[in-house]
Amino acid sequence: MLGLDNPIHIAFVLVLLLLVFGAKRLPEMGKSMGEGLRGFKEAISADGGVEARLNAAHASVVADEITKHETATPASVPVNPVA
């Protein structure tokens, strides 16, 4: 079997991780992974999810672009261009 359903497989993986990363680094890695997953979960569930916030951000960018074009002064165009 290739799965991690056997406790000996899990112990082997933990010993291998301990040898590769060391005893000091493993708790730091676990903490950073937990914080990352927690932040991801909060970002997904907060305020209607990521899609709603992206749509709101896109709408504000479009509104800013429209405002820039409305307030921009037109370039000086000669009335009688020389041919």
Protein backbone atom coordinates (compact mmCIF):
# COMPACT_ATOMS: atom_id res chain seq x y z
CA MET A 1 0.00 0.00 0.00
CA LEU A 2 1.16 3.51 -0.79
CA GLY A 3 -1.22 5.45 1.47
CA LEU A 4 -0.55 6.94 4.88
CA ASP A 5 -3.23 4.84 6.58
CA ASN A 6 -0.66 2.76 8.45
CA PRO A 7 0.82 4.34 11.61
CA ILE A 8 4.27 3.02 10.67
CA HIS A 9 4.11 4.99 7.39
CA ILE A 10 3.24 8.17 9.27
CA ALA A 11 6.08 7.58 11.75
CA PHE A 12 8.51 7.01 8.88
CA VAL A 13 7.49 10.27 7.21
CA LEU A 14 7.85 12.17 10.51
CA VAL A 15 11.33 10.73 11.14
CA LEU A 16 12.34 11.60 7.58
CA LEU A 17 11.09 15.19 8.04
CA LEU A 18 12.96 15.44 11.34
CA LEU A 19 16.19 14.33 9.68
CA VAL A 20 15.80 16.66 6.70
CA PHE A 21 14.64 19.84 8.45
CA GLY A 22 15.78 19.43 12.05
CA ALA A 23 13.99 19.66 15.37
CA LYS A 24 14.07 23.47 15.51
CA ARG A 25 12.71 24.09 12.03
CA LEU A 26 9.70 21.72 12.14
CA PRO A 27 7.59 23.71 14.68
CA GLU A 28 8.31 26.92 12.75
CA MET A 29 7.16 25.29 9.52
CA GLY A 30 3.99 23.99 11.18
CA LYS A 31 3.20 27.40 12.62
CA SER A 32 3.71 29.20 9.31
CA MET A 33 1.59 26.63 7.46
CA GLY A 34 -1.18 27.01 10.04
CA GLU A 35 -1.11 30.81 9.76
CA GLY A 36 -1.17 30.59 5.98
CA LEU A 37 -4.15 28.24 5.96
CA ARG A 38 -5.96 30.38 8.53
CA GLY A 39 -5.40 33.52 6.47
CA PHE A 40 -6.54 31.75 3.32
CA LYS A 41 -9.71 30.55 5.03
CA GLU A 42 -10.47 34.05 6.33
CA ALA A 43 -9.88 35.58 2.90
CA ILE A 44 -12.22 33.11 1.24
CA SER A 45 -15.05 33.48 3.77
CA ALA A 46 -14.82 37.23 4.48
CA ASP A 47 -17.21 39.70 2.83
CA GLY A 48 -18.71 37.43 0.20
CA GLY A 49 -15.45 35.79 -0.80
CA VAL A 50 -12.63 36.65 -3.11
CA GLU A 51 -14.75 37.08 -6.22
CA ALA A 52 -16.89 39.83 -4.70
CA ARG A 53 -13.82 41.74 -3.52
CA LEU A 54 -12.15 41.39 -6.92
CA ASN A 55 -15.28 42.71 -8.64
CA ALA A 56 -15.40 45.67 -6.24
CA ALA A 57 -11.69 46.42 -6.84
CA HIS A 58 -12.17 46.20 -10.60
CA ALA A 59 -15.15 48.55 -10.43
CA SER A 60 -13.12 51.15 -8.53
CA VAL A 61 -10.28 50.94 -11.06
CA VAL A 62 -12.71 51.42 -13.93
CA ALA A 63 -14.30 54.39 -12.14
CA ASP A 64 -10.86 55.95 -11.65
CA GLU A 65 -10.06 55.51 -15.35
CA ILE A 66 -13.35 57.14 -16.36
CA THR A 67 -12.67 60.05 -14.02
CA LYS A 68 -9.18 60.52 -15.49
CA HIS A 69 -10.55 60.64 -19.04
CA GLU A 70 -13.33 63.07 -18.15
CA THR A 71 -11.04 65.53 -16.39
CA ALA A 72 -8.16 65.35 -18.87
CA THR A 73 -7.73 68.41 -21.09
CA PRO A 74 -7.74 67.68 -24.80
CA ALA A 75 -4.50 68.14 -26.67
CA SER A 76 -4.23 71.33 -28.68
CA VAL A 77 -5.32 70.61 -32.23
CA PRO A 78 -4.61 73.22 -34.91
CA VAL A 79 -7.76 74.59 -36.53
CA ASN A 80 -6.26 74.71 -40.03
CA PRO A 81 -3.64 72.00 -40.34
CA VAL A 82 -0.98 72.61 -42.95
CA ALA A 83 -1.05 69.96 -45.63
